């Protein structure tokens, strides 16, 4: 062990947090969480006969350690999941014993919202959080959070009475109307905010709600808010695993590199990422993803359907930012502190023109070009300036033209990993929305050709089954349960004929 690593091990705090093991090239090879950083990280370097071969291989590659301090073990658990998504460390895959990672699923929009864990996230419009490496830690964290924000896990078929969990204060009791769906969803929003790392924001909101209820002499309601505040403030006393406002933003290494390299006046609390998706100019959509304090904030994601379908990404990006920066959206969503455009000079130029037209010239705009993962800067309009000392310390270099600067950084730097995470998330979100629209259009188009099948039947098929390929797989008897015997025979005959023509 070299002297630099020994010195860092002595500096480790006795706080909960997330730690990062790096190899000789500076690449993050493992991300872990700890109730006490000092104890957990030092364990790697203590002599023991119980370490398996994979762990020994990891230790052999460690040349440096970094960490981020948080307030509680619960926050460390959720932060670990986000950092694994950002850096994709190789040993987090190797050391998970071939088990699939676990996710938290909240089907917020259903008529009976539930909170469950799953190892197979689906594209079912539910909200997913994770992945988490430790199912036990996640379930222990949920056990604590459920006492603060009661939620349902599932509804038994035919269940009309509130479950035992309601009487234990762990379930909202939707069955008997003890809680309205509106109030239950408001409670779930607070739970998701805590999971997203915005505990301080929720505590402040609850304090305002408590004061308002107290002034209205609703003392029982005020007491409920008081108990939630106390429980949230005491999260740091909960033991989840042994030896966003969610964190001190200055501890995020990627955000520090971003501020230092581009000489920003403050850490960008809200970063927005944009991408365009279409198929040769059809079903053109755009995505807006939001990262708060460097962590994905999925409840704030937005999607845009272009008013005019055309194969022109510059035009589409310009329209997207013009709509995003409209006054009503600024009032509803707030302003971004930094915007990252998925694309090169043309996409960045289109976005900046929209920003300037709306009168928000002070917001920094940068691009991320796909091929070489270069950060694209407009010399006069991006509102950033390059600190060349920081650039050199990161091992980067510049490529300049008359109008643009291309910032080339090693792909293992924290800053590039963060930008890639934002870019990949905006791409995923855009493509998923495009796929939904394309499927609906293709399904509707073919179903419209079938004689005797009206719009109400088409809508019922799309709502209950979805894609055309799934409709074609159903038997006539299965279709009959949805649209009746006569229509199912017409539909099946027509689709089978089309399938035989290799439609």
Protein backbone atom coordinates (compact mmCIF):
# COMPACT_ATOMS: atom_id res chain seq x y z
CA UNK A 1 0.00 0.00 0.00
CA UNK A 2 1.49 3.36 -1.02
CA UNK A 3 1.77 6.40 1.26
CA UNK A 4 -1.02 8.34 -0.51
CA UNK A 5 -3.54 5.56 0.12
CA UNK A 6 -2.37 5.15 3.72
CA UNK A 7 -2.86 8.87 4.31
CA UNK A 8 -6.37 8.77 2.86
CA UNK A 9 -7.36 5.84 5.04
CA UNK A 10 -6.39 7.88 8.10
CA UNK A 11 -8.63 10.75 6.92
CA UNK A 12 -11.78 8.60 6.64
CA UNK A 13 -14.65 10.01 8.76
CA UNK A 14 -16.84 8.12 11.23
CA UNK A 15 -19.96 9.01 9.24
CA UNK A 16 -22.32 7.14 6.93
CA UNK A 17 -21.62 7.59 3.24
CA UNK A 18 -20.60 6.13 -0.09
CA UNK A 19 -17.03 5.21 -1.01
CA UNK A 20 -15.27 4.76 -4.36
CA UNK A 21 -12.32 2.46 -5.03
CA UNK A 22 -10.14 3.51 -7.98
CA UNK A 23 -7.47 1.65 -9.94
CA UNK A 24 -4.08 2.95 -11.13
CA UNK A 25 -5.73 4.68 -14.11
CA UNK A 26 -8.13 6.60 -11.87
CA UNK A 27 -11.09 4.46 -13.01
CA UNK A 28 -13.76 3.83 -10.38
CA UNK A 29 -13.88 0.05 -10.08
CA UNK A 30 -16.19 -0.32 -7.07
CA UNK A 31 -18.85 1.76 -5.29
CA UNK A 32 -20.00 0.80 -1.82
CA UNK A 33 -22.03 2.18 1.09
CA UNK A 34 -21.10 2.29 4.75
CA UNK A 35 -22.71 3.06 8.09
CA UNK A 36 -19.27 4.15 9.31
CA UNK A 37 -16.94 4.95 6.42
CA UNK A 38 -13.77 4.63 8.48
CA UNK A 39 -14.55 1.09 9.63
CA UNK A 40 -15.93 -0.25 6.35
CA UNK A 41 -13.24 1.01 3.99
CA UNK A 42 -10.36 -0.03 6.25
CA UNK A 43 -11.73 -3.58 6.37
CA UNK A 44 -10.63 -4.07 2.75
CA UNK A 45 -7.00 -3.68 3.74
CA UNK A 46 -7.01 -5.77 6.91
CA UNK A 47 -5.56 -9.26 6.71
CA UNK A 48 -8.28 -11.90 6.64
CA UNK A 49 -8.59 -15.48 5.45
CA UNK A 50 -12.32 -15.09 4.75
CA UNK A 51 -12.06 -12.86 1.66
CA UNK A 52 -13.09 -14.66 -1.52
CA UNK A 53 -11.08 -14.57 -4.75
CA UNK A 54 -13.19 -11.81 -6.32
CA UNK A 55 -12.72 -9.50 -3.34
CA UNK A 56 -8.99 -10.23 -3.29
CA UNK A 57 -8.83 -9.34 -7.00
CA UNK A 58 -10.58 -6.04 -6.26
CA UNK A 59 -8.22 -5.18 -3.40
CA UNK A 60 -5.21 -5.91 -5.59
CA UNK A 61 -6.35 -3.22 -8.05
CA UNK A 62 -7.19 -0.48 -5.52
CA UNK A 63 -4.73 2.43 -5.59
CA UNK A 64 -6.97 5.26 -4.38
CA UNK A 65 -10.14 5.83 -2.36
CA UNK A 66 -12.69 8.67 -2.34
CA UNK A 67 -15.92 9.09 -0.43
CA UNK A 68 -19.07 11.17 0.00
CA UNK A 69 -20.57 11.82 3.43
CA UNK A 70 -24.35 11.78 4.00
CA UNK A 71 -26.60 12.15 7.03
CA UNK A 72 -27.94 8.63 7.36
CA UNK A 73 -27.57 5.05 6.22
CA UNK A 74 -30.81 5.31 4.25
CA UNK A 75 -29.39 8.19 2.23
CA UNK A 76 -26.19 6.21 1.66
CA UNK A 77 -28.26 3.30 0.33
CA UNK A 78 -30.07 5.43 -2.27
CA UNK A 79 -26.94 7.40 -3.18
CA UNK A 80 -25.02 4.17 -3.80
CA UNK A 81 -27.63 3.11 -6.37
CA UNK A 82 -27.28 6.39 -8.29
CA UNK A 83 -23.47 6.27 -8.26
CA UNK A 84 -23.49 2.69 -9.58
CA UNK A 85 -25.70 3.86 -12.46
CA UNK A 86 -23.34 6.75 -13.15
CA UNK A 87 -20.01 4.90 -13.07
CA UNK A 88 -20.99 1.28 -13.89
CA UNK A 89 -18.00 -0.10 -11.89
CA UNK A 90 -16.86 -3.50 -13.04
CA UNK A 91 -16.51 -5.02 -9.56
CA UNK A 92 -20.06 -4.11 -8.56
CA UNK A 93 -21.05 -6.62 -11.24
CA UNK A 94 -18.44 -9.23 -10.37
CA UNK A 95 -19.10 -9.17 -6.61
CA UNK A 96 -22.89 -9.58 -6.69
CA UNK A 97 -22.74 -13.41 -6.85
CA UNK A 98 -24.58 -13.56 -10.19
CA UNK A 99 -27.84 -12.39 -8.61
CA UNK A 100 -29.88 -9.82 -10.50
CA UNK A 101 -29.99 -6.43 -8.84
CA UNK A 102 -33.14 -5.34 -7.05
CA UNK A 103 -35.35 -2.33 -7.82
CA UNK A 104 -38.03 -0.44 -5.94
CA UNK A 105 -41.30 -0.17 -7.89
CA UNK A 106 -44.04 2.40 -7.17
CA UNK A 107 -47.08 2.33 -9.47
CA UNK A 108 -48.08 5.86 -8.50
CA UNK A 109 -50.68 6.34 -11.27
CA UNK A 110 -52.75 3.22 -10.59
CA UNK A 111 -56.07 3.28 -8.71
CA UNK A 112 -54.43 1.26 -5.92
CA UNK A 113 -50.80 2.45 -5.79
CA UNK A 114 -48.41 -0.02 -4.21
CA UNK A 115 -44.74 -0.07 -3.22
CA UNK A 116 -42.88 -3.33 -3.88
CA UNK A 117 -39.42 -4.62 -4.71
CA UNK A 118 -38.67 -6.48 -7.94
CA UNK A 119 -35.71 -7.89 -9.82
CA UNK A 120 -37.29 -7.32 -13.25
CA UNK A 121 -38.20 -3.71 -14.06
CA UNK A 122 -40.77 -3.47 -16.85
CA UNK A 123 -41.91 -0.69 -19.17
CA UNK A 124 -45.29 -0.53 -17.40
CA UNK A 125 -45.47 3.20 -16.54
CA UNK A 126 -44.62 2.52 -12.90
CA UNK A 127 -41.77 4.44 -11.27
CA UNK A 128 -38.58 2.45 -10.61
CA UNK A 129 -35.70 3.29 -8.28
CA UNK A 130 -32.37 1.51 -8.19
CA UNK A 131 -30.69 -0.80 -8.89
CA UNK A 132 -29.70 -1.78 -5.38
CA UNK A 133 -27.08 -4.40 -4.62
CA UNK A 134 -28.47 -5.40 -1.23
CA UNK A 135 -32.09 -6.53 -1.06
CA UNK A 136 -31.83 -6.80 2.73
CA UNK A 137 -30.67 -3.21 3.14
CA UNK A 138 -33.39 -1.92 0.83
CA UNK A 139 -36.13 -3.79 2.68
CA UNK A 140 -34.81 -2.59 6.02
CA UNK A 141 -34.83 1.01 4.74
CA UNK A 142 -38.40 0.59 3.47
CA UNK A 143 -39.43 -0.80 6.84
CA UNK A 144 -38.27 2.46 8.43
CA UNK A 145 -39.77 4.71 5.76
CA UNK A 146 -43.14 2.92 5.84
CA UNK A 147 -43.62 4.04 9.45
CA UNK A 148 -43.22 7.64 8.28
CA UNK A 149 -45.13 7.39 5.00
CA UNK A 150 -47.59 4.45 5.15
CA UNK A 151 -48.07 2.65 1.84
CA UNK A 152 -49.81 -0.40 0.40
CA UNK A 153 -47.84 -3.38 -0.91
CA UNK A 154 -50.60 -5.24 -2.73
CA UNK A 155 -54.36 -5.76 -2.74
CA UNK A 156 -55.77 -9.22 -2.27
CA UNK A 157 -58.44 -10.20 -4.79
CA UNK A 158 -61.86 -9.29 -3.42
CA UNK A 159 -60.38 -7.43 -0.44
CA UNK A 160 -62.87 -4.84 0.87
CA UNK A 161 -61.64 -4.22 4.41
CA UNK A 162 -58.48 -2.48 5.47
CA UNK A 163 -55.61 -4.87 6.17
CA UNK A 164 -53.91 -5.47 9.49
CA UNK A 165 -51.15 -3.14 8.30
CA UNK A 166 -53.60 -0.23 8.39
CA UNK A 167 -54.31 -0.84 12.07
CA UNK A 168 -50.54 -0.95 12.65
CA UNK A 169 -50.19 2.46 10.99
CA UNK A 170 -48.33 1.05 7.95
CA UNK A 171 -51.06 1.11 5.27
CA UNK A 172 -53.27 4.01 4.05
CA UNK A 173 -56.50 1.98 4.26
CA UNK A 174 -57.84 2.80 0.81
CA UNK A 175 -60.29 -0.11 0.95
CA UNK A 176 -62.47 1.50 3.63
CA UNK A 177 -61.82 5.10 2.62
CA UNK A 178 -59.63 5.92 5.62
CA UNK A 179 -57.39 7.81 3.19
CA UNK A 180 -58.44 9.31 -0.13
CA UNK A 181 -56.49 8.40 -3.27
CA UNK A 182 -55.49 12.07 -3.60
CA UNK A 183 -54.03 12.21 -0.07
CA UNK A 184 -52.34 8.82 -0.50
CA UNK A 185 -50.62 9.98 -3.70
CA UNK A 186 -49.49 13.16 -1.94
CA UNK A 187 -47.95 10.93 0.73
CA UNK A 188 -46.23 8.81 -1.95
CA UNK A 189 -44.78 11.97 -3.52
CA UNK A 190 -43.10 12.75 -0.21
CA UNK A 191 -41.78 9.20 0.03
CA UNK A 192 -40.34 9.42 -3.50
CA UNK A 193 -38.77 12.79 -2.70
CA UNK A 194 -36.94 11.26 0.27
CA UNK A 195 -35.80 8.38 -1.93
CA UNK A 196 -34.59 10.93 -4.49
CA UNK A 197 -32.54 12.59 -1.75
CA UNK A 198 -34.65 15.66 -1.03
CA UNK A 199 -35.29 15.02 2.65
CA UNK A 200 -34.60 18.61 3.68
CA UNK A 201 -37.14 19.92 1.20
CA UNK A 202 -39.82 17.57 2.53
CA UNK A 203 -39.04 18.48 6.16
CA UNK A 204 -39.50 22.17 5.31
CA UNK A 205 -42.77 21.41 3.50
CA UNK A 206 -44.06 19.38 6.45
CA UNK A 207 -43.22 22.22 8.85
CA UNK A 208 -45.32 24.61 6.75
CA UNK A 209 -48.17 22.07 6.62
CA UNK A 210 -47.99 21.60 10.40
CA UNK A 211 -48.13 25.34 11.02
CA UNK A 212 -51.06 25.73 8.63
CA UNK A 213 -53.00 22.87 10.27
CA UNK A 214 -52.30 24.25 13.73
CA UNK A 215 -53.59 27.72 12.80
CA UNK A 216 -56.75 26.09 11.45
CA UNK A 217 -57.07 24.25 14.81
CA UNK A 218 -56.69 20.87 13.09
CA UNK A 219 -54.55 19.58 15.91
CA UNK A 220 -54.70 15.87 15.03
CA UNK A 221 -53.47 16.64 11.50
CA UNK A 222 -50.75 18.93 12.88
CA UNK A 223 -49.61 16.15 15.22
CA UNK A 224 -49.30 13.77 12.26
CA UNK A 225 -47.02 16.24 10.45
CA UNK A 226 -44.99 16.75 13.65
CA UNK A 227 -44.43 13.02 14.01
CA UNK A 228 -43.30 12.75 10.36
CA UNK A 229 -40.84 15.63 10.85
CA UNK A 230 -39.40 14.04 13.97
CA UNK A 231 -39.06 10.65 12.28
CA UNK A 232 -37.32 12.15 9.22
CA UNK A 233 -34.91 14.15 11.36
CA UNK A 234 -34.08 10.99 13.31
CA UNK A 235 -33.27 8.87 10.24
CA UNK A 236 -29.58 9.18 11.05
CA UNK A 237 -30.23 7.18 14.22
CA UNK A 238 -31.68 4.20 12.34
CA UNK A 239 -29.42 1.19 11.79
CA UNK A 240 -29.99 -0.10 8.26
CA UNK A 241 -26.80 -2.00 7.55
CA UNK A 242 -24.03 -2.74 10.02
CA UNK A 243 -20.33 -2.09 10.06
CA UNK A 244 -30.10 16.05 -2.48
CA UNK A 245 -30.32 18.35 0.23
CA UNK A 246 -29.71 14.59 0.41
CA UNK A 247 -26.01 15.32 0.61
CA UNK A 248 -23.54 18.15 0.76
CA UNK A 249 -23.46 19.01 -2.93
CA UNK A 250 -19.82 20.08 -2.65
CA UNK A 251 -18.85 16.46 -1.96
CA UNK A 252 -19.89 15.26 -5.44
CA UNK A 253 -16.59 14.92 -7.30
CA UNK A 254 -18.20 15.26 -10.73
CA UNK A 255 -19.96 18.48 -9.78
CA UNK A 256 -16.72 19.83 -8.33
CA UNK A 257 -14.90 19.09 -11.58
CA UNK A 258 -17.72 20.73 -13.53
CA UNK A 259 -17.60 23.92 -11.45
CA UNK A 260 -13.80 24.11 -11.45
CA UNK A 261 -13.28 23.35 -15.15
CA UNK A 262 -15.94 25.72 -16.45
CA UNK A 263 -15.47 28.31 -13.67
CA UNK A 264 -19.16 28.34 -12.76
CA UNK A 265 -20.28 30.76 -10.05
CA UNK A 266 -22.03 27.99 -8.07
CA UNK A 267 -22.72 24.27 -8.10
CA UNK A 268 -25.52 23.54 -10.59
CA UNK A 269 -28.30 22.17 -8.42
CA UNK A 270 -30.60 21.46 -11.38
CA UNK A 271 -29.03 20.07 -14.55
CA UNK A 272 -31.32 19.34 -17.51
CA UNK A 273 -30.45 17.00 -20.38
CA UNK A 274 -32.15 16.95 -23.80
CA UNK A 275 -32.31 14.48 -26.69
CA UNK A 276 -34.40 13.98 -29.84
CA UNK A 277 -35.75 10.65 -31.10
CA UNK A 278 -37.59 9.75 -34.33
CA UNK A 279 -37.60 7.32 -37.24
CA UNK A 280 -36.76 9.18 -40.47
CA UNK A 281 -38.81 12.16 -39.37
CA UNK A 282 -41.87 10.30 -38.06
CA UNK A 283 -43.13 10.29 -34.46
CA UNK A 284 -40.60 12.97 -33.52
CA UNK A 285 -40.24 13.44 -29.77
CA UNK A 286 -37.84 15.10 -27.33
CA UNK A 287 -36.93 14.30 -23.75
CA UNK A 288 -36.00 16.50 -20.81
CA UNK A 289 -34.34 14.71 -17.90
CA UNK A 290 -33.46 16.43 -14.64
CA UNK A 291 -30.56 15.73 -12.30
CA UNK A 292 -30.84 17.39 -8.89
CA UNK A 293 -27.56 17.64 -6.98
CA UNK A 294 -26.06 15.27 -9.55
CA UNK A 295 -28.72 12.58 -9.03
CA UNK A 296 -31.52 11.66 -11.44
CA UNK A 297 -34.84 13.19 -10.40
CA UNK A 298 -37.32 11.17 -12.48
CA UNK A 299 -40.45 12.84 -11.20
CA UNK A 300 -39.29 16.03 -12.91
CA UNK A 301 -38.68 14.42 -16.31
CA UNK A 302 -40.77 15.81 -19.17
CA UNK A 303 -41.38 14.73 -22.76
CA UNK A 304 -42.34 16.71 -25.85
CA UNK A 305 -44.15 15.64 -29.03
CA UNK A 306 -43.06 17.85 -31.91
CA UNK A 307 -45.81 19.93 -33.51
CA UNK A 308 -44.43 19.12 -36.96
CA UNK A 309 -42.81 15.77 -37.79
CA UNK A 310 -39.64 16.29 -39.82
CA UNK A 311 -36.17 14.80 -40.11
CA UNK A 312 -34.33 17.88 -38.83
CA UNK A 313 -32.77 17.52 -35.39
CA UNK A 314 -31.66 21.17 -35.30
CA UNK A 315 -35.22 22.41 -35.86
CA UNK A 316 -36.58 19.85 -33.36
CA UNK A 317 -34.07 20.84 -30.67
CA UNK A 318 -34.88 24.52 -31.20
CA UNK A 319 -38.63 23.88 -30.84
CA UNK A 320 -38.06 21.81 -27.70
CA UNK A 321 -36.09 24.52 -25.89
CA UNK A 322 -38.48 27.24 -27.03
CA UNK A 323 -41.33 25.29 -25.44
CA UNK A 324 -39.34 24.40 -22.34
CA UNK A 325 -38.43 28.04 -21.65
CA UNK A 326 -41.95 29.42 -22.08
CA UNK A 327 -43.07 31.53 -19.14
CA UNK A 328 -45.65 29.04 -17.86
CA UNK A 329 -43.07 26.22 -17.81
CA UNK A 330 -40.50 28.41 -16.07
CA UNK A 331 -43.13 29.20 -13.43
CA UNK A 332 -44.09 25.53 -13.04
CA UNK A 333 -40.71 23.82 -13.31
CA UNK A 334 -38.20 26.55 -12.43
CA UNK A 335 -35.03 27.41 -14.34
CA UNK A 336 -32.15 25.01 -15.00
CA UNK A 337 -28.72 25.90 -13.63
CA UNK A 338 -27.06 24.08 -16.52
CA UNK A 339 -28.31 22.49 -19.75
CA UNK A 340 -26.60 19.53 -21.44
CA UNK A 341 -27.54 18.91 -25.08
CA UNK A 342 -27.09 15.46 -26.59
CA UNK A 343 -25.30 16.35 -29.80
CA UNK A 344 -22.62 18.48 -31.39
CA UNK A 345 -22.33 22.02 -32.73
CA UNK A 346 -25.60 22.09 -34.70
CA UNK A 347 -27.80 20.84 -31.85
CA UNK A 348 -26.07 23.14 -29.37
CA UNK A 349 -26.50 26.15 -31.65
CA UNK A 350 -30.22 25.40 -32.10
CA UNK A 351 -30.72 25.13 -28.34
CA UNK A 352 -28.80 28.33 -27.57
CA UNK A 353 -30.82 30.28 -30.16
CA UNK A 354 -34.01 29.20 -28.37
CA UNK A 355 -32.54 30.15 -24.99
CA UNK A 356 -31.56 33.61 -26.22
CA UNK A 357 -34.92 34.17 -27.88
CA UNK A 358 -36.61 33.49 -24.54
CA UNK A 359 -34.28 35.89 -22.74
CA UNK A 360 -32.30 33.45 -20.58
CA UNK A 361 -28.79 34.15 -21.89
CA UNK A 362 -27.19 33.63 -18.48
CA UNK A 363 -27.97 29.88 -18.32
CA UNK A 364 -24.88 27.81 -19.28
CA UNK A 365 -25.49 25.51 -22.29
CA UNK A 366 -23.01 22.82 -23.35
CA UNK A 367 -23.18 19.82 -25.68
CA UNK A 368 -21.87 16.27 -25.54
CA UNK A 369 -20.83 14.94 -28.95
CA UNK A 370 -21.42 11.19 -29.21
CA UNK A 371 -18.48 9.90 -31.23
CA UNK A 372 -15.54 11.04 -29.07
CA UNK A 373 -17.53 12.03 -25.96
CA UNK A 374 -16.31 15.61 -26.38
CA UNK A 375 -17.89 18.47 -24.46
CA UNK A 376 -18.89 21.15 -26.98
CA UNK A 377 -18.62 24.80 -25.94
CA UNK A 378 -19.66 27.89 -27.91
CA UNK A 379 -16.94 30.46 -27.19
CA UNK A 380 -19.30 33.42 -27.02
CA UNK A 381 -22.65 31.95 -25.99
CA UNK A 382 -22.20 28.91 -23.70
CA UNK A 383 -21.55 31.17 -20.67
CA UNK A 384 -18.64 29.10 -19.41
CA UNK A 385 -14.90 29.64 -19.52
CA UNK A 386 -12.21 26.96 -19.41
CA UNK A 387 -9.75 26.77 -16.52
CA UNK A 388 -6.71 25.31 -18.28
CA UNK A 389 -4.97 24.37 -15.03
CA UNK A 390 -7.94 22.20 -14.07
CA UNK A 391 -8.09 20.84 -17.63
CA UNK A 392 -4.45 19.77 -17.38
CA UNK A 393 -4.95 18.22 -13.95
CA UNK A 394 -7.78 16.10 -15.41
CA UNK A 395 -5.54 14.97 -18.27
CA UNK A 396 -7.58 16.77 -20.93
CA UNK A 397 -6.90 18.98 -23.94
CA UNK A 398 -8.79 21.38 -26.21
CA UNK A 399 -9.57 21.40 -29.91
CA UNK A 400 -10.58 24.87 -31.10
CA UNK A 401 -12.22 26.44 -34.15
CA UNK A 402 -13.27 30.03 -34.72
CA UNK A 403 -16.56 29.61 -32.83
CA UNK A 404 -16.35 26.38 -30.83
CA UNK A 405 -14.15 24.65 -28.27
CA UNK A 406 -14.15 20.86 -28.02
CA UNK A 407 -13.11 19.72 -24.54
CA UNK A 408 -11.46 16.30 -24.63
CA UNK A 409 -11.29 14.55 -21.25
CA UNK A 410 -10.31 10.99 -20.32
CA UNK A 411 -13.45 8.86 -20.31
CA UNK A 412 -12.89 7.77 -16.71
CA UNK A 413 -13.12 11.30 -15.25
CA UNK A 414 -16.00 11.96 -12.89
CA UNK A 415 -17.25 14.82 -15.07
CA UNK A 416 -17.48 12.71 -18.23
CA UNK A 417 -19.19 9.90 -16.28
CA UNK A 418 -21.82 12.35 -15.04
CA UNK A 419 -22.38 13.82 -18.52
CA UNK A 420 -22.65 10.33 -20.02
CA UNK A 421 -25.17 9.36 -17.35
CA UNK A 422 -27.31 12.42 -18.14
CA UNK A 423 -26.95 11.88 -21.90
CA UNK A 424 -27.79 8.16 -21.69
CA UNK A 425 -30.81 8.85 -19.50
CA UNK A 426 -32.15 11.53 -21.87
CA UNK A 427 -31.62 9.14 -24.81
CA UNK A 428 -33.40 6.28 -23.03
CA UNK A 429 -36.34 8.48 -22.07
CA UNK A 430 -36.70 9.89 -25.61
CA UNK A 431 -36.48 6.49 -27.30
CA UNK A 432 -39.05 4.94 -24.95
CA UNK A 433 -41.55 7.72 -25.71
CA UNK A 434 -40.88 7.45 -29.46
CA UNK A 435 -41.44 3.69 -29.32
CA UNK A 436 -44.80 4.13 -27.58
CA UNK A 437 -45.99 6.59 -30.26
CA UNK A 438 -44.73 4.43 -33.11
CA UNK A 439 -46.47 1.34 -31.71
CA UNK A 440 -49.75 3.22 -31.30
CA UNK A 441 -49.54 4.62 -34.84
CA UNK A 442 -48.75 1.25 -36.42
CA UNK A 443 -51.47 -0.51 -34.46
CA UNK A 444 -54.06 2.16 -35.27
CA UNK A 445 -53.04 2.24 -38.94
CA UNK A 446 -53.58 -1.46 -39.56
CA UNK A 447 -56.71 -1.74 -37.44
CA UNK A 448 -58.25 1.13 -39.41
CA UNK A 449 -58.00 -1.03 -42.53
CA UNK A 450 -60.24 -3.77 -41.13
CA UNK A 451 -63.83 -3.47 -42.44
CA UNK A 452 -66.47 -3.22 -39.73
CA UNK A 453 -64.05 -2.28 -36.93
CA UNK A 454 -64.78 1.18 -35.54
CA UNK A 455 -62.79 3.63 -33.43
CA UNK A 456 -64.20 2.43 -30.08
CA UNK A 457 -63.09 -1.15 -30.82
CA UNK A 458 -59.64 0.04 -31.91
CA UNK A 459 -59.25 2.09 -28.74
CA UNK A 460 -60.33 -0.86 -26.59
CA UNK A 461 -57.74 -3.13 -28.25
CA UNK A 462 -54.97 -0.57 -27.84
CA UNK A 463 -55.90 0.10 -24.22
CA UNK A 464 -56.22 -3.53 -23.14
CA UNK A 465 -53.56 -5.20 -25.32
CA UNK A 466 -51.26 -2.52 -26.69
CA UNK A 467 -48.98 -3.30 -29.58
CA UNK A 468 -49.96 -4.83 -32.91
CA UNK A 469 -47.61 -7.78 -32.41
CA UNK A 470 -49.37 -8.69 -29.14
CA UNK A 471 -52.80 -8.43 -30.79
CA UNK A 472 -51.66 -10.76 -33.60
CA UNK A 473 -50.50 -13.36 -31.06
CA UNK A 474 -53.93 -13.66 -29.45
CA UNK A 475 -56.27 -16.49 -30.41
CA UNK A 476 -59.78 -15.79 -31.68
CA UNK A 477 -61.20 -16.95 -28.34
CA UNK A 478 -58.93 -14.55 -26.42
CA UNK A 479 -59.95 -11.68 -28.70
CA UNK A 480 -63.59 -12.55 -28.22
CA UNK A 481 -63.33 -11.88 -24.49
CA UNK A 482 -62.42 -8.29 -25.34
CA UNK A 483 -64.45 -7.37 -28.44
CA UNK A 484 -67.03 -10.14 -28.83
CA UNK A 485 -67.30 -13.21 -31.09
CA UNK A 486 -68.23 -11.54 -34.38
CA UNK A 487 -65.58 -8.82 -34.27
CA UNK A 488 -62.89 -11.22 -33.04
CA UNK A 489 -63.52 -13.45 -36.08
CA UNK A 490 -63.26 -10.47 -38.47
CA UNK A 491 -60.08 -9.17 -36.83
CA UNK A 492 -58.37 -12.55 -36.62
CA UNK A 493 -59.16 -13.44 -40.25
CA UNK A 494 -57.81 -10.11 -41.50
CA UNK A 495 -54.64 -10.15 -39.37
CA UNK A 496 -53.82 -13.76 -40.24
CA UNK A 497 -54.11 -12.90 -43.94
CA UNK A 498 -51.78 -9.93 -43.46
CA UNK A 499 -49.32 -12.05 -41.51
CA UNK A 500 -49.23 -14.64 -44.31
CA UNK A 501 -48.34 -11.82 -46.70
CA UNK A 502 -45.34 -11.05 -44.42
CA UNK A 503 -46.85 -7.73 -43.47
